Protein backbone atom coordinates (compact mmCIF):
# COMPACT_ATOMS: atom_id res chain seq x y z
CA UNK A 1 22.80 -14.88 13.75
CA UNK A 2 20.51 -15.63 11.18
CA UNK A 3 20.16 -14.01 7.93
CA UNK A 4 17.36 -11.13 9.27
CA UNK A 5 19.35 -10.51 12.47
CA UNK A 6 21.17 -7.52 10.78
CA UNK A 7 17.53 -5.82 10.43
CA UNK A 8 16.83 -5.79 14.23
CA UNK A 9 17.07 -2.80 16.55
CA UNK A 10 20.36 -2.78 18.24
CA UNK A 11 20.49 -2.84 21.81
CA UNK A 12 22.75 -1.70 24.46
CA UNK A 13 22.13 -3.14 28.12
CA UNK A 14 18.50 -3.86 26.92
CA UNK A 15 17.84 -0.61 25.53
CA UNK A 16 17.23 -0.09 21.93
CA UNK A 17 19.57 2.12 19.77
CA UNK A 18 17.33 2.91 17.06
CA UNK A 19 17.25 6.81 18.50
CA UNK A 20 20.73 7.15 18.45
CA UNK A 21 20.80 5.60 14.67
CA UNK A 22 18.35 8.36 13.79
CA UNK A 23 20.13 11.21 15.20
CA UNK A 24 23.29 10.36 13.85
CA UNK A 25 23.41 11.41 10.27
CA UNK A 26 22.44 15.03 11.55
CA UNK A 27 25.40 14.88 13.73
CA UNK A 28 27.67 14.35 10.57
CA UNK A 29 26.29 17.01 8.59
CA UNK A 30 28.37 20.09 8.61
CA UNK A 31 27.07 23.43 10.21
CA UNK A 32 27.36 26.68 7.98
CA UNK A 33 30.28 28.78 9.26
CA UNK A 34 30.51 32.26 10.18
CA UNK A 35 33.61 32.75 7.60
CA UNK A 36 33.32 34.73 4.94
CA UNK A 37 34.46 32.21 2.56
CA UNK A 38 33.46 28.61 3.39
CA UNK A 39 35.81 25.49 2.90
CA UNK A 40 35.34 22.87 0.35
CA UNK A 41 33.03 20.71 1.93
CA UNK A 42 30.69 23.53 3.00
CA UNK A 43 30.74 24.71 -0.76
CA UNK A 44 30.19 21.21 -2.13
CA UNK A 45 27.11 20.99 0.46
CA UNK A 46 25.67 24.24 -0.21
CA UNK A 47 26.05 23.47 -4.07
CA UNK A 48 24.08 20.09 -3.77
CA UNK A 49 21.56 21.59 -1.96
CA UNK A 50 20.79 24.67 -4.08
CA UNK A 51 20.68 22.20 -7.02
CA UNK A 52 18.55 19.70 -5.21
CA UNK A 53 16.00 22.72 -4.02
CA UNK A 54 16.07 24.02 -7.36
CA UNK A 55 15.32 20.65 -9.24
CA UNK A 56 12.68 19.74 -6.82
CA UNK A 57 10.95 23.11 -6.59
CA UNK A 58 10.84 23.95 -10.47
CA UNK A 59 7.30 21.70 -11.51
CA UNK A 60 5.86 23.13 -8.11
CA UNK A 61 3.56 25.98 -8.05
CA UNK A 62 4.25 29.25 -5.73
CA UNK A 63 2.28 27.74 -2.92
CA UNK A 64 4.21 24.62 -2.42
CA UNK A 65 7.62 26.29 -2.26
CA UNK A 66 6.89 26.57 1.21
CA UNK A 67 7.66 22.83 1.57
CA UNK A 68 11.14 23.58 0.08
CA UNK A 69 12.96 23.51 4.01
CA UNK A 70 10.78 20.35 4.81
CA UNK A 71 11.30 18.17 1.72
CA UNK A 72 15.19 19.31 1.37
CA UNK A 73 15.96 18.21 5.19
CA UNK A 74 14.14 14.81 4.43
CA UNK A 75 16.03 14.10 1.50
CA UNK A 76 19.23 15.10 3.43
CA UNK A 77 18.09 12.45 6.39
CA UNK A 78 17.22 9.56 4.11
CA UNK A 79 20.28 10.00 2.09
CA UNK A 80 22.62 9.97 5.02
CA UNK A 81 20.74 7.30 6.87
CA UNK A 82 20.81 4.95 3.83
CA UNK A 83 24.53 5.33 3.26
CA UNK A 84 25.49 5.22 6.68
CA UNK A 85 23.60 1.78 6.86
CA UNK A 86 26.15 0.43 4.49
CA UNK A 87 28.97 0.65 6.57
CA UNK A 88 30.01 -2.49 8.57
CA UNK A 89 28.32 -3.02 12.23
CA UNK A 90 25.80 -0.31 11.59
CA UNK A 91 22.04 -0.35 11.54
CA UNK A 92 19.77 1.33 8.93
CA UNK A 93 16.37 2.82 10.30
CA UNK A 94 15.18 3.04 7.06
CA UNK A 95 14.97 -1.04 6.48
CA UNK A 96 12.12 -0.76 9.08
CA UNK A 97 8.63 -0.55 7.54
CA UNK A 98 7.39 1.17 10.57
CA UNK A 99 9.90 4.21 10.17
CA UNK A 100 9.09 4.42 6.38
CA UNK A 101 5.50 4.51 7.01
CA UNK A 102 6.06 6.78 10.01
CA UNK A 103 7.82 9.31 7.27
CA UNK A 104 5.43 8.91 4.47
CA UNK A 105 1.83 8.79 6.02
CA UNK A 106 1.99 12.17 7.93
CA UNK A 107 3.90 14.04 4.63
CA UNK A 108 1.15 12.46 2.31
CA UNK A 109 -1.84 13.22 4.58
CA UNK A 110 -0.61 17.04 4.69
CA UNK A 111 -0.43 17.12 0.91
CA UNK A 112 -4.08 15.50 0.78
CA UNK A 113 -5.31 17.84 3.61
CA UNK A 114 -3.66 21.06 2.03
CA UNK A 115 -5.66 20.00 -1.13
CA UNK A 116 -8.97 19.74 0.45
CA UNK A 117 -7.74 22.97 2.23
CA UNK A 118 -6.90 25.16 -0.63
CA UNK A 119 -8.70 23.55 -3.77
CA UNK A 120 -11.86 21.41 -2.38
CA UNK A 121 -13.50 20.86 -5.85
CA UNK A 122 -10.44 20.30 -7.57
CA UNK A 123 -9.44 17.34 -5.29
CA UNK A 124 -12.80 15.97 -5.21
CA UNK A 125 -12.95 15.74 -9.13
CA UNK A 126 -9.70 13.55 -8.93
CA UNK A 127 -12.24 10.90 -7.55
CA UNK A 128 -14.47 10.98 -10.60
CA UNK A 129 -13.11 11.77 -14.33
CA UNK A 130 -15.33 13.84 -16.42
CA UNK A 131 -17.44 12.06 -18.89
CA UNK A 132 -17.42 8.80 -16.95
CA UNK A 133 -20.54 6.46 -17.44
CA UNK A 134 -23.06 6.22 -14.70
CA UNK A 135 -22.97 2.54 -14.29
CA UNK A 136 -19.24 2.77 -13.69
CA UNK A 137 -19.34 6.28 -11.18
CA UNK A 138 -19.00 3.80 -8.05
CA UNK A 139 -16.67 1.65 -9.40
CA UNK A 140 -14.39 4.86 -10.25
CA UNK A 141 -14.75 6.19 -6.93
CA UNK A 142 -13.84 2.96 -5.25
CA UNK A 143 -10.78 2.57 -7.24
CA UNK A 144 -9.51 6.29 -7.12
CA UNK A 145 -9.94 5.95 -3.20
CA UNK A 146 -7.94 2.89 -2.94
CA UNK A 147 -5.68 4.54 -5.21
CA UNK A 148 -5.23 7.82 -2.75
CA UNK A 149 -4.80 5.46 0.20
CA UNK A 150 -2.23 3.13 -0.82
CA UNK A 151 0.24 5.91 -1.68
CA UNK A 152 1.91 5.97 1.90
CA UNK A 153 2.17 2.16 1.83
CA UNK A 154 3.84 2.35 -1.60
CA UNK A 155 6.00 4.92 -0.35
CA UNK A 156 6.84 2.83 2.65
CA UNK A 157 6.95 -0.35 0.82
CA UNK A 158 9.16 0.61 -1.98
CA UNK A 159 11.90 2.37 0.25
CA UNK A 160 11.81 -0.75 2.68
CA UNK A 161 12.15 -3.46 -0.17
CA UNK A 162 14.89 -1.92 -1.89
CA UNK A 163 17.11 -1.50 0.81
CA UNK A 164 16.36 -4.59 2.48
CA UNK A 165 16.99 -6.59 -0.99
CA UNK A 166 20.47 -5.13 -1.28
CA UNK A 167 21.75 -5.81 2.74
CA UNK A 168 20.50 -9.21 2.03
CA UNK A 169 22.47 -9.59 -1.41
CA UNK A 170 25.52 -8.21 0.26
CA UNK A 171 25.33 -10.68 3.29
CA UNK A 172 24.97 -13.49 1.05
CA UNK A 173 27.46 -12.98 -1.16
CA UNK A 174 30.02 -11.55 1.53
CA UNK A 175 29.24 -15.06 3.20
CA UNK A 176 29.90 -16.88 0.07
CA UNK A 177 33.59 -15.17 -0.22
CA UNK A 178 34.48 -16.48 3.36
CA UNK A 179 32.99 -19.81 2.46
CA UNK A 180 34.39 -20.59 -0.65
CA UNK A 181 37.96 -19.16 0.11
CA UNK A 182 39.65 -22.52 1.04
CA UNK A 183 37.80 -24.30 -1.44
CA UNK A 184 39.13 -22.32 -4.60
CA UNK A 185 40.97 -18.80 -3.96
CA UNK A 186 39.93 -17.94 -7.90
CA UNK A 187 36.17 -18.37 -7.19
CA UNK A 188 36.60 -16.67 -4.21
CA UNK A 189 38.15 -13.40 -5.57
CA UNK A 190 35.42 -13.46 -8.29
CA UNK A 191 33.04 -13.36 -5.90
CA UNK A 192 34.79 -10.63 -4.05
CA UNK A 193 34.83 -8.47 -7.38
CA UNK A 194 30.78 -8.94 -7.54
CA UNK A 195 30.83 -8.03 -4.18
CA UNK A 196 32.54 -4.73 -4.85
CA UNK A 197 30.16 -4.16 -8.12
CA UNK A 198 27.01 -4.96 -5.59
CA UNK A 199 28.29 -2.49 -3.06
CA UNK A 200 28.80 0.39 -5.65
CA UNK A 201 25.32 -0.31 -6.84
CA UNK A 202 23.52 -0.31 -3.42
CA UNK A 203 25.44 2.90 -2.73
CA UNK A 204 23.39 4.19 -5.93
CA UNK A 205 20.50 2.68 -4.51
CA UNK A 206 20.59 4.14 -1.78
CA UNK A 207 20.93 7.62 -3.16
CA UNK A 208 18.08 7.06 -5.83
CA UNK A 209 15.76 5.90 -3.20
CA UNK A 210 16.04 8.63 -0.94
CA UNK A 211 15.44 10.96 -4.05
CA UNK A 212 12.44 8.78 -5.38
CA UNK A 213 10.96 9.19 -1.96
CA UNK A 214 11.04 12.80 -1.45
CA UNK A 215 10.14 13.36 -5.54
CA UNK A 216 7.09 11.27 -5.21
CA UNK A 217 5.99 13.68 -2.20
CA UNK A 218 6.66 16.57 -4.31
CA UNK A 219 4.65 15.20 -7.10
CA UNK A 220 1.88 14.54 -4.33
CA UNK A 221 2.09 18.03 -3.39
CA UNK A 222 1.91 19.35 -7.20
CA UNK A 223 -1.57 17.87 -7.58
CA UNK A 224 -2.94 19.62 -4.08
CA UNK A 225 -1.42 22.85 -5.07
């Protein structure tokens, strides 16, 4: 197995298991109970969802609050997928650029269409700032158009690059631990300590990147509502 084989979709009898990897996070999320008093897990989950939704919707206008369920569900999915991908012998779907672009492009396009439907003139005004000199008008329109179209690519590449880099570093350092164990036990233990610190860092990165992905989408939505 080469260094990048960990990013290849796992197969069983020649059938890709990418669908199982995408559905697995939802199977681990506890469903609400019919009891009057929830257990600690459900209480913690409800507290997190309430806190996240409040923080996400705080800067948004009232029309954008309709997106609360979609953005919160996306956050839970990305968070669960990123964290599950750090377990041994697992596959991380969010290291695939196609998956991330498949999530980013439709949602970004929806925010753009919402802006053109609700405030057409205001959305067009983003392409040409007020008081622009006449010779610079074509250049600014071109720049603003490119910056608008590159947003979904930036969303997908950011998530893919951060997770891929973390997995590669963990793979490289874990290989070094076993490689130098018979040469120097002390160096091997120090490398293992670095691996543990890197794993903690990657857990934080997995959580932060899921939040940043959803936060940027909410900022795009804020511009168009």
